[in-house]
Amino acid sequence: MSTAKDSPNADVAKLTYEQAREQLVQVVSALEQGNATLEESMALWERGEALAAQCETWLTGAKTRLDAALAARKGEAE
């Protein structure tokens, strides 16, 4: 059975937000060109989904940190 660790997109979890975003732009561009075979297109789409999820994880974490900092600042002001 295949695990996430065996996935060809397992490396996505190690990318910074900026790296994931840049790769996502490249994937979208490659898909928009329409030159890929069906199998290549599916692999690109799967990569894009993994990259988008990683970006979402980074953004959610940043929002959580920002919300915590704002709440702490508000608590200090009271």
N, C-alpha and C. Protein backbone atom coordinates (compact mmCIF):
# COMPACT_ATOMS: atom_id res chain seq x y z
N MET A 1 0.84 -1.17 0.00
CA MET A 1 0.00 0.00 0.00
C MET A 1 0.89 1.24 0.00
N SER A 2 0.46 2.27 -0.70
CA SER A 2 1.20 3.53 -0.81
C SER A 2 0.90 4.43 0.38
N THR A 3 1.92 5.09 0.87
CA THR A 3 1.72 6.06 1.95
C THR A 3 2.08 7.43 1.44
N ALA A 4 1.76 8.45 2.24
CA ALA A 4 2.09 9.82 1.85
C ALA A 4 3.60 9.96 1.64
N LYS A 5 4.37 9.21 2.44
CA LYS A 5 5.82 9.28 2.32
C LYS A 5 6.29 8.76 0.96
N ASP A 6 5.54 7.81 0.38
CA ASP A 6 5.89 7.23 -0.91
C ASP A 6 5.42 8.10 -2.07
N SER A 7 4.60 9.08 -1.79
CA SER A 7 4.01 9.92 -2.82
C SER A 7 5.08 10.72 -3.55
N PRO A 8 4.89 10.89 -4.87
CA PRO A 8 5.84 11.72 -5.61
C PRO A 8 5.80 13.18 -5.17
N ASN A 9 4.78 13.55 -4.39
CA ASN A 9 4.65 14.92 -3.91
C ASN A 9 4.98 15.06 -2.43
N ALA A 10 5.61 14.05 -1.85
CA ALA A 10 5.94 14.08 -0.43
C ALA A 10 6.88 15.23 -0.08
N ASP A 11 7.68 15.67 -1.02
CA ASP A 11 8.63 16.76 -0.78
C ASP A 11 7.94 18.10 -0.56
N VAL A 12 6.69 18.21 -0.95
CA VAL A 12 5.96 19.48 -0.85
C VAL A 12 5.90 19.97 0.60
N ALA A 13 5.78 19.06 1.54
CA ALA A 13 5.69 19.44 2.95
C ALA A 13 6.94 20.15 3.46
N LYS A 14 8.05 19.99 2.76
CA LYS A 14 9.31 20.61 3.19
C LYS A 14 9.54 21.99 2.56
N LEU A 15 8.66 22.38 1.65
CA LEU A 15 8.85 23.64 0.95
C LEU A 15 8.41 24.84 1.79
N THR A 16 9.11 25.94 1.59
CA THR A 16 8.65 27.19 2.20
C THR A 16 7.42 27.67 1.42
N TYR A 17 6.75 28.64 1.98
CA TYR A 17 5.59 29.20 1.28
C TYR A 17 5.99 29.72 -0.09
N GLU A 18 7.07 30.45 -0.13
CA GLU A 18 7.52 31.06 -1.38
C GLU A 18 7.88 30.00 -2.43
N GLN A 19 8.54 28.93 -2.00
CA GLN A 19 8.89 27.85 -2.92
C GLN A 19 7.64 27.16 -3.45
N ALA A 20 6.70 26.88 -2.56
CA ALA A 20 5.46 26.21 -2.97
C ALA A 20 4.66 27.09 -3.92
N ARG A 21 4.58 28.37 -3.62
CA ARG A 21 3.84 29.29 -4.48
C ARG A 21 4.47 29.38 -5.86
N GLU A 22 5.79 29.47 -5.93
CA GLU A 22 6.48 29.56 -7.21
C GLU A 22 6.28 28.29 -8.03
N GLN A 23 6.39 27.14 -7.38
CA GLN A 23 6.15 25.88 -8.10
C GLN A 23 4.70 25.78 -8.56
N LEU A 24 3.77 26.27 -7.76
CA LEU A 24 2.36 26.25 -8.15
C LEU A 24 2.14 27.10 -9.40
N VAL A 25 2.78 28.25 -9.46
CA VAL A 25 2.69 29.11 -10.65
C VAL A 25 3.22 28.35 -11.86
N GLN A 26 4.32 27.64 -11.71
CA GLN A 26 4.90 26.88 -12.81
C GLN A 26 3.97 25.74 -13.26
N VAL A 27 3.34 25.07 -12.30
CA VAL A 27 2.42 23.99 -12.62
C VAL A 27 1.22 24.52 -13.39
N VAL A 28 0.65 25.61 -12.92
CA VAL A 28 -0.51 26.21 -13.60
C VAL A 28 -0.12 26.61 -15.02
N SER A 29 1.03 27.21 -15.17
CA SER A 29 1.50 27.61 -16.50
C SER A 29 1.64 26.40 -17.43
N ALA A 30 2.23 25.33 -16.92
CA ALA A 30 2.40 24.12 -17.72
C ALA A 30 1.05 23.54 -18.13
N LEU A 31 0.09 23.54 -17.22
CA LEU A 31 -1.24 23.03 -17.53
C LEU A 31 -1.95 23.91 -18.56
N GLU A 32 -1.78 25.21 -18.43
CA GLU A 32 -2.43 26.14 -19.35
C GLU A 32 -1.89 26.02 -20.77
N GLN A 33 -0.65 25.61 -20.91
CA GLN A 33 -0.06 25.45 -22.24
C GLN A 33 -0.74 24.33 -23.01
N GLY A 34 -1.24 23.33 -22.29
CA GLY A 34 -1.97 22.25 -22.93
C GLY A 34 -1.14 21.28 -23.75
N ASN A 35 0.15 21.26 -23.55
CA ASN A 35 1.03 20.38 -24.33
C ASN A 35 1.27 19.02 -23.68
N ALA A 36 0.82 18.86 -22.44
CA ALA A 36 1.10 17.63 -21.71
C ALA A 36 0.13 16.52 -22.10
N THR A 37 0.60 15.29 -21.97
CA THR A 37 -0.27 14.14 -22.18
C THR A 37 -1.27 14.09 -21.02
N LEU A 38 -2.26 13.22 -21.13
CA LEU A 38 -3.23 13.06 -20.05
C LEU A 38 -2.53 12.66 -18.76
N GLU A 39 -1.62 11.70 -18.85
CA GLU A 39 -0.91 11.24 -17.65
C GLU A 39 -0.06 12.36 -17.05
N GLU A 40 0.63 13.11 -17.89
CA GLU A 40 1.43 14.24 -17.40
C GLU A 40 0.53 15.31 -16.79
N SER A 41 -0.60 15.55 -17.42
CA SER A 41 -1.55 16.54 -16.89
C SER A 41 -2.07 16.13 -15.52
N MET A 42 -2.37 14.85 -15.36
CA MET A 42 -2.85 14.37 -14.06
C MET A 42 -1.77 14.52 -12.99
N ALA A 43 -0.52 14.21 -13.35
CA ALA A 43 0.58 14.37 -12.40
C ALA A 43 0.76 15.83 -12.03
N LEU A 44 0.66 16.72 -13.02
CA LEU A 44 0.77 18.16 -12.75
C LEU A 44 -0.37 18.63 -11.86
N TRP A 45 -1.58 18.16 -12.14
CA TRP A 45 -2.74 18.56 -11.34
C TRP A 45 -2.57 18.09 -9.89
N GLU A 46 -2.13 16.83 -9.71
CA GLU A 46 -1.90 16.32 -8.36
C GLU A 46 -0.83 17.13 -7.64
N ARG A 47 0.22 17.48 -8.36
CA ARG A 47 1.28 18.32 -7.77
C ARG A 47 0.72 19.68 -7.38
N GLY A 48 -0.08 20.25 -8.28
CA GLY A 48 -0.69 21.54 -8.00
C GLY A 48 -1.58 21.50 -6.77
N GLU A 49 -2.37 20.45 -6.63
CA GLU A 49 -3.22 20.31 -5.44
C GLU A 49 -2.38 20.23 -4.17
N ALA A 50 -1.30 19.46 -4.22
CA ALA A 50 -0.42 19.34 -3.05
C ALA A 50 0.23 20.68 -2.73
N LEU A 51 0.66 21.41 -3.75
CA LEU A 51 1.28 22.71 -3.54
C LEU A 51 0.28 23.72 -2.98
N ALA A 52 -0.94 23.71 -3.51
CA ALA A 52 -1.97 24.63 -3.02
C ALA A 52 -2.30 24.33 -1.56
N ALA A 53 -2.36 23.06 -1.20
CA ALA A 53 -2.63 22.69 0.19
C ALA A 53 -1.50 23.16 1.10
N GLN A 54 -0.26 23.04 0.63
CA GLN A 54 0.88 23.50 1.42
C GLN A 54 0.84 25.01 1.61
N CYS A 55 0.50 25.73 0.56
CA CYS A 55 0.37 27.19 0.67
C CYS A 55 -0.73 27.54 1.68
N GLU A 56 -1.83 26.83 1.62
CA GLU A 56 -2.94 27.07 2.55
C GLU A 56 -2.49 26.82 3.99
N THR A 57 -1.71 25.77 4.19
CA THR A 57 -1.19 25.47 5.53
C THR A 57 -0.32 26.62 6.04
N TRP A 58 0.57 27.11 5.19
CA TRP A 58 1.43 28.23 5.58
C TRP A 58 0.59 29.47 5.90
N LEU A 59 -0.39 29.77 5.06
CA LEU A 59 -1.21 30.97 5.27
C LEU A 59 -2.06 30.85 6.52
N THR A 60 -2.60 29.68 6.79
CA THR A 60 -3.39 29.46 8.00
C THR A 60 -2.52 29.64 9.24
N GLY A 61 -1.30 29.10 9.18
CA GLY A 61 -0.37 29.27 10.30
C GLY A 61 -0.01 30.72 10.52
N ALA A 62 0.21 31.45 9.45
CA ALA A 62 0.54 32.88 9.56
C ALA A 62 -0.62 33.65 10.16
N LYS A 63 -1.84 33.33 9.74
CA LYS A 63 -3.03 34.01 10.28
C LYS A 63 -3.18 33.71 11.77
N THR A 64 -2.95 32.48 12.15
CA THR A 64 -3.04 32.10 13.56
C THR A 64 -2.03 32.89 14.40
N ARG A 65 -0.80 32.99 13.90
CA ARG A 65 0.22 33.76 14.61
C ARG A 65 -0.14 35.24 14.70
N LEU A 66 -0.65 35.77 13.61
CA LEU A 66 -1.05 37.18 13.59
C LEU A 66 -2.20 37.43 14.56
N ASP A 67 -3.19 36.56 14.54
CA ASP A 67 -4.32 36.69 15.46
C ASP A 67 -3.86 36.63 16.92
N ALA A 68 -2.92 35.73 17.21
CA ALA A 68 -2.40 35.61 18.58
C ALA A 68 -1.64 36.87 18.98
N ALA A 69 -0.85 37.40 18.06
CA ALA A 69 -0.09 38.63 18.37
C ALA A 69 -1.02 39.81 18.60
N LEU A 70 -2.07 39.92 17.77
CA LEU A 70 -3.03 41.00 17.94
C LEU A 70 -3.82 40.86 19.23
N ALA A 71 -4.17 39.63 19.59
CA ALA A 71 -4.89 39.39 20.85
C ALA A 71 -4.01 39.73 22.04
N ALA A 72 -2.73 39.38 21.98
CA ALA A 72 -1.80 39.70 23.06
C ALA A 72 -1.63 41.20 23.19
N ARG A 73 -1.55 41.87 22.06
CA ARG A 73 -1.40 43.33 22.07
C ARG A 73 -2.64 43.99 22.65
N LYS A 74 -3.80 43.49 22.27
CA LYS A 74 -5.04 44.03 22.80
C LYS A 74 -5.13 43.80 24.31
N GLY A 75 -4.69 42.61 24.76
CA GLY A 75 -4.68 42.29 26.19
C GLY A 75 -3.76 43.21 26.97
N GLU A 76 -2.64 43.61 26.38
CA GLU A 76 -1.71 44.52 27.03
C GLU A 76 -2.28 45.92 27.13
N ALA A 77 -3.11 46.29 26.19
CA ALA A 77 -3.68 47.64 26.15
C ALA A 77 -4.79 47.82 27.19
N GLU A 78 -5.35 46.72 27.66
CA GLU A 78 -6.47 46.83 28.61
C GLU A 78 -6.03 47.05 30.02
